[in-house]
Amino acid sequence: MITHQYPEDLKTRPHKLLENPNAEPSMFIADISNTFARIISRDFPDESVSDGYRRMFRTLCTNDGITQVELARAAGLTSPSVSSAVATSL
């Protein structure tokens, strides 16, 4: 079983946002996205996996069997970047 110790700001930041009467739905979505990205980044240290690979991994986890072009669009990357990553991993 994996147990994680989350940084203190990941525990307190959502409470601050909930207490903000002017908080917009997009602020909650951005906060969730940023928190997820920080947790993934912690699990894959910068020296081992690049941000582009992380985005491809996250996309492939939920979209099995997509083409390289679809992967590039869904991950927010360029097609040549995805093609190069796939070619170097073979």
PDB file of N, CA and C in Angstrom:
ATOM      1  N   MET A   1       0.840  -1.186   0.000  1.00  0.00           N
ATOM      2  CA  MET A   1       0.000   0.000   0.000  1.00  0.00           C
ATOM      3  C   MET A   1       0.882   1.247   0.000  1.00  0.00           C
ATOM      4  N   ILE A   2       0.578   2.182  -0.860  1.00  0.00           N
ATOM      5  CA  ILE A   2       1.343   3.423  -0.959  1.00  0.00           C
ATOM      6  C   ILE A   2       0.714   4.466  -0.046  1.00  0.00           C
ATOM      7  N   THR A   3       1.531   5.083   0.762  1.00  0.00           N
ATOM      8  CA  THR A   3       1.041   6.193   1.583  1.00  0.00           C
ATOM      9  C   THR A   3       1.825   7.431   1.205  1.00  0.00           C
ATOM     10  N   HIS A   4       1.138   8.537   1.086  1.00  0.00           N
ATOM     11  CA  HIS A   4       1.770   9.788   0.686  1.00  0.00           C
ATOM     12  C   HIS A   4       1.672  10.807   1.810  1.00  0.00           C
ATOM     13  N   GLN A   5       2.711  11.576   1.935  1.00  0.00           N
ATOM     14  CA  GLN A   5       2.698  12.720   2.829  1.00  0.00           C
ATOM     15  C   GLN A   5       2.534  13.949   1.947  1.00  0.00           C
ATOM     16  N   TYR A   6       1.388  14.575   2.020  1.00  0.00           N
ATOM     17  CA  TYR A   6       1.113  15.723   1.173  1.00  0.00           C
ATOM     18  C   TYR A   6       1.632  16.995   1.817  1.00  0.00           C
ATOM     19  N   PRO A   7       2.183  17.908   1.007  1.00  0.00           N
ATOM     20  CA  PRO A   7       2.613  19.200   1.553  1.00  0.00           C
ATOM     21  C   PRO A   7       1.453  19.901   2.238  1.00  0.00           C
ATOM     22  N   GLU A   8       1.764  20.657   3.246  1.00  0.00           N
ATOM     23  CA  GLU A   8       0.722  21.310   4.055  1.00  0.00           C
ATOM     24  C   GLU A   8      -0.182  22.218   3.225  1.00  0.00           C
ATOM     25  N   ASP A   9       0.372  22.907   2.205  1.00  0.00           N
ATOM     26  CA  ASP A   9      -0.475  23.810   1.422  1.00  0.00           C
ATOM     27  C   ASP A   9      -1.523  23.058   0.602  1.00  0.00           C
ATOM     28  N   LEU A  10      -1.266  21.778   0.275  1.00  0.00           N
ATOM     29  CA  LEU A  10      -2.285  20.999  -0.434  1.00  0.00           C
ATOM     30  C   LEU A  10      -3.459  20.662   0.475  1.00  0.00           C
ATOM     31  N   LYS A  11      -3.222  20.711   1.776  1.00  0.00           N
ATOM     32  CA  LYS A  11      -4.291  20.438   2.732  1.00  0.00           C
ATOM     33  C   LYS A  11      -5.073  21.701   3.079  1.00  0.00           C
ATOM     34  N   THR A  12      -4.408  22.852   3.102  1.00  0.00           N
ATOM     35  CA  THR A  12      -5.076  24.079   3.541  1.00  0.00           C
ATOM     36  C   THR A  12      -5.653  24.901   2.394  1.00  0.00           C
ATOM     37  N   ARG A  13      -5.063  24.820   1.224  1.00  0.00           N
ATOM     38  CA  ARG A  13      -5.500  25.652   0.100  1.00  0.00           C
ATOM     39  C   ARG A  13      -6.964  25.444  -0.271  1.00  0.00           C
ATOM     40  N   PRO A  14      -7.463  24.190  -0.331  1.00  0.00           N
ATOM     41  CA  PRO A  14      -8.888  24.028  -0.663  1.00  0.00           C
ATOM     42  C   PRO A  14      -9.817  24.710   0.338  1.00  0.00           C
ATOM     43  N   HIS A  15      -9.442  24.715   1.614  1.00  0.00           N
ATOM     44  CA  HIS A  15     -10.286  25.361   2.618  1.00  0.00           C
ATOM     45  C   HIS A  15     -10.340  26.868   2.389  1.00  0.00           C
ATOM     46  N   LYS A  16      -9.199  27.449   2.007  1.00  0.00           N
ATOM     47  CA  LYS A  16      -9.165  28.897   1.739  1.00  0.00           C
ATOM     48  C   LYS A  16     -10.059  29.230   0.545  1.00  0.00           C
ATOM     49  N   LEU A  17     -10.024  28.382  -0.469  1.00  0.00           N
ATOM     50  CA  LEU A  17     -10.839  28.627  -1.651  1.00  0.00           C
ATOM     51  C   LEU A  17     -12.329  28.496  -1.320  1.00  0.00           C
ATOM     52  N   LEU A  18     -12.677  27.515  -0.506  1.00  0.00           N
ATOM     53  CA  LEU A  18     -14.080  27.346  -0.117  1.00  0.00           C
ATOM     54  C   LEU A  18     -14.602  28.526   0.693  1.00  0.00           C
ATOM     55  N   GLU A  19     -13.722  29.174   1.433  1.00  0.00           N
ATOM     56  CA  GLU A  19     -14.125  30.312   2.255  1.00  0.00           C
ATOM     57  C   GLU A  19     -14.198  31.609   1.461  1.00  0.00           C
ATOM     58  N   ASN A  20     -13.734  31.601   0.222  1.00  0.00           N
ATOM     59  CA  ASN A  20     -13.736  32.790  -0.624  1.00  0.00           C
ATOM     60  C   ASN A  20     -15.123  32.955  -1.255  1.00  0.00           C
ATOM     61  N   PRO A  21     -15.870  34.006  -0.882  1.00  0.00           N
ATOM     62  CA  PRO A  21     -17.226  34.174  -1.434  1.00  0.00           C
ATOM     63  C   PRO A  21     -17.226  34.513  -2.924  1.00  0.00           C
ATOM     64  N   ASN A  22     -16.098  34.954  -3.467  1.00  0.00           N
ATOM     65  CA  ASN A  22     -16.018  35.313  -4.883  1.00  0.00           C
ATOM     66  C   ASN A  22     -15.410  34.212  -5.744  1.00  0.00           C
ATOM     67  N   ALA A  23     -15.237  33.028  -5.183  1.00  0.00           N
ATOM     68  CA  ALA A  23     -14.622  31.928  -5.931  1.00  0.00           C
ATOM     69  C   ALA A  23     -15.523  31.492  -7.083  1.00  0.00           C
ATOM     70  N   GLU A  24     -14.940  31.373  -8.243  1.00  0.00           N
ATOM     71  CA  GLU A  24     -15.634  30.944  -9.454  1.00  0.00           C
ATOM     72  C   GLU A  24     -15.410  29.439  -9.645  1.00  0.00           C
ATOM     73  N   PRO A  25     -16.308  28.751 -10.340  1.00  0.00           N
ATOM     74  CA  PRO A  25     -16.097  27.318 -10.609  1.00  0.00           C
ATOM     75  C   PRO A  25     -14.758  27.033 -11.286  1.00  0.00           C
ATOM     76  N   SER A  26     -14.338  27.914 -12.170  1.00  0.00           N
ATOM     77  CA  SER A  26     -13.059  27.701 -12.860  1.00  0.00           C
ATOM     78  C   SER A  26     -11.884  27.717 -11.886  1.00  0.00           C
ATOM     79  N   MET A  27     -12.012  28.441 -10.782  1.00  0.00           N
ATOM     80  CA  MET A  27     -10.948  28.479  -9.778  1.00  0.00           C
ATOM     81  C   MET A  27     -10.822  27.115  -9.097  1.00  0.00           C
ATOM     82  N   PHE A  28     -11.949  26.459  -8.854  1.00  0.00           N
ATOM     83  CA  PHE A  28     -11.916  25.122  -8.252  1.00  0.00           C
ATOM     84  C   PHE A  28     -11.304  24.115  -9.211  1.00  0.00           C
ATOM     85  N   ILE A  29     -11.675  24.204 -10.478  1.00  0.00           N
ATOM     86  CA  ILE A  29     -11.132  23.290 -11.486  1.00  0.00           C
ATOM     87  C   ILE A  29      -9.627  23.481 -11.618  1.00  0.00           C
ATOM     88  N   ALA A  30      -9.176  24.724 -11.673  1.00  0.00           N
ATOM     89  CA  ALA A  30      -7.742  25.003 -11.765  1.00  0.00           C
ATOM     90  C   ALA A  30      -7.011  24.495 -10.538  1.00  0.00           C
ATOM     91  N   ASP A  31      -7.606  24.658  -9.368  1.00  0.00           N
ATOM     92  CA  ASP A  31      -6.976  24.199  -8.131  1.00  0.00           C
ATOM     93  C   ASP A  31      -6.835  22.677  -8.129  1.00  0.00           C
ATOM     94  N   ILE A  32      -7.871  21.974  -8.557  1.00  0.00           N
ATOM     95  CA  ILE A  32      -7.813  20.511  -8.623  1.00  0.00           C
ATOM     96  C   ILE A  32      -6.757  20.072  -9.631  1.00  0.00           C
ATOM     97  N   SER A  33      -6.726  20.710 -10.781  1.00  0.00           N
ATOM     98  CA  SER A  33      -5.747  20.373 -11.810  1.00  0.00           C
ATOM     99  C   SER A  33      -4.322  20.609 -11.319  1.00  0.00           C
ATOM    100  N   ASN A  34      -4.083  21.745 -10.681  1.00  0.00           N
ATOM    101  CA  ASN A  34      -2.746  22.053 -10.166  1.00  0.00           C
ATOM    102  C   ASN A  34      -2.330  21.081  -9.074  1.00  0.00           C
ATOM    103  N   THR A  35      -3.258  20.714  -8.212  1.00  0.00           N
ATOM    104  CA  THR A  35      -2.952  19.767  -7.146  1.00  0.00           C
ATOM    105  C   THR A  35      -2.586  18.410  -7.736  1.00  0.00           C
ATOM    106  N   PHE A  36      -3.374  17.962  -8.708  1.00  0.00           N
ATOM    107  CA  PHE A  36      -3.092  16.684  -9.358  1.00  0.00           C
ATOM    108  C   PHE A  36      -1.718  16.708 -10.028  1.00  0.00           C
ATOM    109  N   ALA A  37      -1.411  17.790 -10.725  1.00  0.00           N
ATOM    110  CA  ALA A  37      -0.115  17.908 -11.405  1.00  0.00           C
ATOM    111  C   ALA A  37       1.037  17.875 -10.407  1.00  0.00           C
ATOM    112  N   ARG A  38       0.867  18.520  -9.254  1.00  0.00           N
ATOM    113  CA  ARG A  38       1.931  18.518  -8.235  1.00  0.00           C
ATOM    114  C   ARG A  38       2.132  17.131  -7.649  1.00  0.00           C
ATOM    115  N   ILE A  39       1.053  16.401  -7.445  1.00  0.00           N
ATOM    116  CA  ILE A  39       1.172  15.045  -6.905  1.00  0.00           C
ATOM    117  C   ILE A  39       1.853  14.128  -7.925  1.00  0.00           C
ATOM    118  N   ILE A  40       1.454  14.238  -9.188  1.00  0.00           N
ATOM    119  CA  ILE A  40       2.086  13.433 -10.240  1.00  0.00           C
ATOM    120  C   ILE A  40       3.562  13.798 -10.359  1.00  0.00           C
ATOM    121  N   SER A  41       3.880  15.080 -10.306  1.00  0.00           N
ATOM    122  CA  SER A  41       5.274  15.519 -10.408  1.00  0.00           C
ATOM    123  C   SER A  41       6.110  14.974  -9.269  1.00  0.00           C
ATOM    124  N   ARG A  42       5.509  14.875  -8.101  1.00  0.00           N
ATOM    125  CA  ARG A  42       6.238  14.338  -6.960  1.00  0.00           C
ATOM    126  C   ARG A  42       6.506  12.852  -7.153  1.00  0.00           C
ATOM    127  N   ASP A  43       5.543  12.142  -7.733  1.00  0.00           N
ATOM    128  CA  ASP A  43       5.712  10.710  -7.953  1.00  0.00           C
ATOM    129  C   ASP A  43       6.685  10.394  -9.083  1.00  0.00           C
ATOM    130  N   PHE A  44       6.843  11.306 -10.036  1.00  0.00           N
ATOM    131  CA  PHE A  44       7.797  11.159 -11.126  1.00  0.00           C
ATOM    132  C   PHE A  44       8.778  12.324 -11.047  1.00  0.00           C
ATOM    133  N   PRO A  45       9.901  12.176 -10.348  1.00  0.00           N
ATOM    134  CA  PRO A  45      10.851  13.286 -10.210  1.00  0.00           C
ATOM    135  C   PRO A  45      11.300  13.817 -11.577  1.00  0.00           C
ATOM    136  N   ASP A  46      11.612  15.100 -11.613  1.00  0.00           N
ATOM    137  CA  ASP A  46      11.971  15.763 -12.872  1.00  0.00           C
ATOM    138  C   ASP A  46      13.105  15.082 -13.618  1.00  0.00           C
ATOM    139  N   GLU A  47      14.070  14.520 -12.893  1.00  0.00           N
ATOM    140  CA  GLU A  47      15.213  13.926 -13.585  1.00  0.00           C
ATOM    141  C   GLU A  47      14.868  12.603 -14.261  1.00  0.00           C
ATOM    142  N   SER A  48      13.704  12.010 -13.957  1.00  0.00           N
ATOM    143  CA  SER A  48      13.389  10.713 -14.548  1.00  0.00           C
ATOM    144  C   SER A  48      12.327  10.790 -15.653  1.00  0.00           C
ATOM    145  N   VAL A  49      11.327  11.649 -15.508  1.00  0.00           N
ATOM    146  CA  VAL A  49      10.235  11.710 -16.479  1.00  0.00           C
ATOM    147  C   VAL A  49       9.904  13.181 -16.757  1.00  0.00           C
ATOM    148  N   SER A  50       9.880  13.537 -18.035  1.00  0.00           N
ATOM    149  CA  SER A  50       9.597  14.926 -18.397  1.00  0.00           C
ATOM    150  C   SER A  50       8.108  15.226 -18.282  1.00  0.00           C
ATOM    151  N   ASP A  51       7.780  16.508 -18.298  1.00  0.00           N
ATOM    152  CA  ASP A  51       6.385  16.942 -18.222  1.00  0.00           C
ATOM    153  C   ASP A  51       5.588  16.427 -19.410  1.00  0.00           C
ATOM    154  N   GLY A  52       6.190  16.417 -20.583  1.00  0.00           N
ATOM    155  CA  GLY A  52       5.502  15.917 -21.777  1.00  0.00           C
ATOM    156  C   GLY A  52       5.125  14.454 -21.645  1.00  0.00           C
ATOM    157  N   TYR A  53       6.044  13.645 -21.113  1.00  0.00           N
ATOM    158  CA  TYR A  53       5.739  12.234 -20.890  1.00  0.00           C
ATOM    159  C   TYR A  53       4.635  12.084 -19.847  1.00  0.00           C
ATOM    160  N   ARG A  54       4.682  12.896 -18.792  1.00  0.00           N
ATOM    161  CA  ARG A  54       3.638  12.832 -17.770  1.00  0.00           C
ATOM    162  C   ARG A  54       2.267  13.095 -18.381  1.00  0.00           C
ATOM    163  N   ARG A  55       2.203  14.118 -19.252  1.00  0.00           N
ATOM    164  CA  ARG A  55       0.923  14.433 -19.888  1.00  0.00           C
ATOM    165  C   ARG A  55       0.455  13.289 -20.784  1.00  0.00           C
ATOM    166  N   MET A  56       1.407  12.660 -21.490  1.00  0.00           N
ATOM    167  CA  MET A  56       1.033  11.524 -22.329  1.00  0.00           C
ATOM    168  C   MET A  56       0.551  10.357 -21.467  1.00  0.00           C
ATOM    169  N   PHE A  57       1.235  10.071 -20.351  1.00  0.00           N
ATOM    170  CA  PHE A  57       0.824   8.981 -19.464  1.00  0.00           C
ATOM    171  C   PHE A  57      -0.586   9.213 -18.927  1.00  0.00           C
ATOM    172  N   ARG A  58      -0.848  10.445 -18.464  1.00  0.00           N
ATOM    173  CA  ARG A  58      -2.180  10.751 -17.928  1.00  0.00           C
ATOM    174  C   ARG A  58      -3.248  10.566 -18.996  1.00  0.00           C
ATOM    175  N   THR A  59      -2.957  10.996 -20.218  1.00  0.00           N
ATOM    176  CA  THR A  59      -3.917  10.878 -21.309  1.00  0.00           C
ATOM    177  C   THR A  59      -4.154   9.422 -21.671  1.00  0.00           C
ATOM    178  N   LEU A  60      -3.074   8.645 -21.748  1.00  0.00           N
ATOM    179  CA  LEU A  60      -3.212   7.240 -22.112  1.00  0.00           C
ATOM    180  C   LEU A  60      -3.909   6.411 -21.039  1.00  0.00           C
ATOM    181  N   CYS A  61      -3.837   6.848 -19.796  1.00  0.00           N
ATOM    182  CA  CYS A  61      -4.527   6.131 -18.717  1.00  0.00           C
ATOM    183  C   CYS A  61      -6.040   6.120 -18.910  1.00  0.00           C
ATOM    184  N   THR A  62      -6.540   7.141 -19.557  1.00  0.00           N
ATOM    185  CA  THR A  62      -8.003   7.239 -19.727  1.00  0.00           C
ATOM    186  C   THR A  62      -8.454   7.107 -21.173  1.00  0.00           C
ATOM    187  N   ASN A  63      -7.519   7.009 -22.108  1.00  0.00           N
ATOM    188  CA  ASN A  63      -7.875   6.958 -23.535  1.00  0.00           C
ATOM    189  C   ASN A  63      -7.071   5.878 -24.247  1.00  0.00           C
ATOM    190  N   ASP A  64      -7.255   4.644 -23.876  1.00  0.00           N
ATOM    191  CA  ASP A  64      -6.510   3.547 -24.476  1.00  0.00           C
ATOM    192  C   ASP A  64      -6.860   3.385 -25.953  1.00  0.00           C
ATOM    193  N   GLY A  65      -5.847   3.124 -26.767  1.00  0.00           N
ATOM    194  CA  GLY A  65      -6.082   2.838 -28.176  1.00  0.00           C
ATOM    195  C   GLY A  65      -6.214   4.044 -29.083  1.00  0.00           C
ATOM    196  N   ILE A  66      -5.841   5.234 -28.604  1.00  0.00           N
ATOM    197  CA  ILE A  66      -5.955   6.416 -29.459  1.00  0.00           C
ATOM    198  C   ILE A  66      -4.739   6.528 -30.369  1.00  0.00           C
ATOM    199  N   THR A  67      -4.886   7.271 -31.453  1.00  0.00           N
ATOM    200  CA  THR A  67      -3.786   7.472 -32.389  1.00  0.00           C
ATOM    201  C   THR A  67      -2.809   8.504 -31.827  1.00  0.00           C
ATOM    202  N   GLN A  68      -1.657   8.606 -32.462  1.00  0.00           N
ATOM    203  CA  GLN A  68      -0.666   9.596 -32.024  1.00  0.00           C
ATOM    204  C   GLN A  68      -1.195  11.012 -32.173  1.00  0.00           C
ATOM    205  N   VAL A  69      -1.947  11.269 -33.226  1.00  0.00           N
ATOM    206  CA  VAL A  69      -2.520  12.605 -33.434  1.00  0.00           C
ATOM    207  C   VAL A  69      -3.529  12.911 -32.331  1.00  0.00           C
ATOM    208  N   GLU A  70      -4.379  11.941 -32.003  1.00  0.00           N
ATOM    209  CA  GLU A  70      -5.355  12.130 -30.925  1.00  0.00           C
ATOM    210  C   GLU A  70      -4.658  12.322 -29.586  1.00  0.00           C
ATOM    211  N   LEU A  71      -3.584  11.567 -29.368  1.00  0.00           N
ATOM    212  CA  LEU A  71      -2.806  11.714 -28.140  1.00  0.00           C
ATOM    213  C   LEU A  71      -2.207  13.108 -28.049  1.00  0.00           C
ATOM    214  N   ALA A  72      -1.652  13.597 -29.136  1.00  0.00           N
ATOM    215  CA  ALA A  72      -1.051  14.932 -29.140  1.00  0.00           C
ATOM    216  C   ALA A  72      -2.091  15.993 -28.804  1.00  0.00           C
ATOM    217  N   ARG A  73      -3.248  15.909 -29.419  1.00  0.00           N
ATOM    218  CA  ARG A  73      -4.312  16.895 -29.147  1.00  0.00           C
ATOM    219  C   ARG A  73      -4.781  16.825 -27.699  1.00  0.00           C
ATOM    220  N   ALA A  74      -5.029  15.621 -27.209  1.00  0.00           N
ATOM    221  CA  ALA A  74      -5.565  15.452 -25.858  1.00  0.00           C
ATOM    222  C   ALA A  74      -4.555  15.860 -24.785  1.00  0.00           C
ATOM    223  N   ALA A  75      -3.267  15.654 -25.058  1.00  0.00           N
ATOM    224  CA  ALA A  75      -2.225  15.981 -24.081  1.00  0.00           C
ATOM    225  C   ALA A  75      -1.724  17.410 -24.223  1.00  0.00           C
ATOM    226  N   GLY A  76      -2.175  18.112 -25.259  1.00  0.00           N
ATOM    227  CA  GLY A  76      -1.728  19.487 -25.469  1.00  0.00           C
ATOM    228  C   GLY A  76      -0.293  19.564 -25.967  1.00  0.00           C
ATOM    229  N   LEU A  77       0.097  18.574 -26.765  1.00  0.00           N
ATOM    230  CA  LEU A  77       1.451  18.524 -27.308  1.00  0.00           C
ATOM    231  C   LEU A  77       1.391  18.601 -28.826  1.00  0.00           C
ATOM    232  N   THR A  78       2.533  18.794 -29.459  1.00  0.00           N
ATOM    233  CA  THR A  78       2.575  18.791 -30.919  1.00  0.00           C
ATOM    234  C   THR A  78       2.745  17.360 -31.408  1.00  0.00           C
ATOM    235  N   SER A  79       2.256  17.087 -32.607  1.00  0.00           N
ATOM    236  CA  SER A  79       2.383  15.737 -33.176  1.00  0.00           C
ATOM    237  C   SER A  79       3.838  15.293 -33.300  1.00  0.00           C
ATOM    238  N   PRO A  80       4.757  16.174 -33.752  1.00  0.00           N
ATOM    239  CA  PRO A  80       6.151  15.748 -33.821  1.00  0.00           C
ATOM    240  C   PRO A  80       6.731  15.358 -32.455  1.00  0.00           C
ATOM    241  N   SER A  81       6.306  16.031 -31.387  1.00  0.00           N
ATOM    242  CA  SER A  81       6.796  15.688 -30.050  1.00  0.00           C
ATOM    243  C   SER A  81       6.358  14.286 -29.651  1.00  0.00           C
ATOM    244  N   VAL A  82       5.111  13.963 -29.932  1.00  0.00           N
ATOM    245  CA  VAL A  82       4.592  12.640 -29.602  1.00  0.00           C
ATOM    246  C   VAL A  82       5.279  11.587 -30.459  1.00  0.00           C
ATOM    247  N   SER A  83       5.431  11.858 -31.732  1.00  0.00           N
ATOM    248  CA  SER A  83       6.102  10.896 -32.627  1.00  0.00           C
ATOM    249  C   SER A  83       7.527  10.633 -32.180  1.00  0.00           C
ATOM    250  N   SER A  84       8.229  11.674 -31.800  1.00  0.00           N
ATOM    251  CA  SER A  84       9.605  11.528 -31.326  1.00  0.00           C
ATOM    252  C   SER A  84       9.658  10.729 -30.029  1.00  0.00           C
ATOM    253  N   ALA A  85       8.746  10.999 -29.119  1.00  0.00           N
ATOM    254  CA  ALA A  85       8.706  10.270 -27.847  1.00  0.00           C
ATOM    255  C   ALA A  85       8.423   8.793 -28.067  1.00  0.00           C
ATOM    256  N   VAL A  86       7.497   8.496 -28.972  1.00  0.00           N
ATOM    257  CA  VAL A  86       7.153   7.098 -29.251  1.00  0.00           C
ATOM    258  C   VAL A  86       8.334   6.403 -29.918  1.00  0.00           C
ATOM    259  N   ALA A  87       8.973   7.075 -30.860  1.00  0.00           N
ATOM    260  CA  ALA A  87      10.098   6.484 -31.570  1.00  0.00           C
ATOM    261  C   ALA A  87      11.279   6.204 -30.639  1.00  0.00           C
ATOM    262  N   THR A  88      11.552   7.093 -29.706  1.00  0.00           N
ATOM    263  CA  THR A  88      12.699   6.887 -28.814  1.00  0.00           C
ATOM    264  C   THR A  88      12.411   5.858 -27.734  1.00  0.00           C
ATOM    265  N   SER A  89      11.134   5.549 -27.494  1.00  0.00           N
ATOM    266  CA  SER A  89      10.805   4.575 -26.461  1.00  0.00           C
ATOM    267  C   SER A  89      10.718   3.154 -27.006  1.00  0.00           C
ATOM    268  N   LEU A  90      10.804   2.998 -28.328  1.00  0.00           N
ATOM    269  CA  LEU A  90      10.709   1.654 -28.928  1.00  0.00           C
ATOM    270  C   LEU A  90      12.015   0.910 -28.834  1.00  0.00           C
TER     271      LEU A  90
END
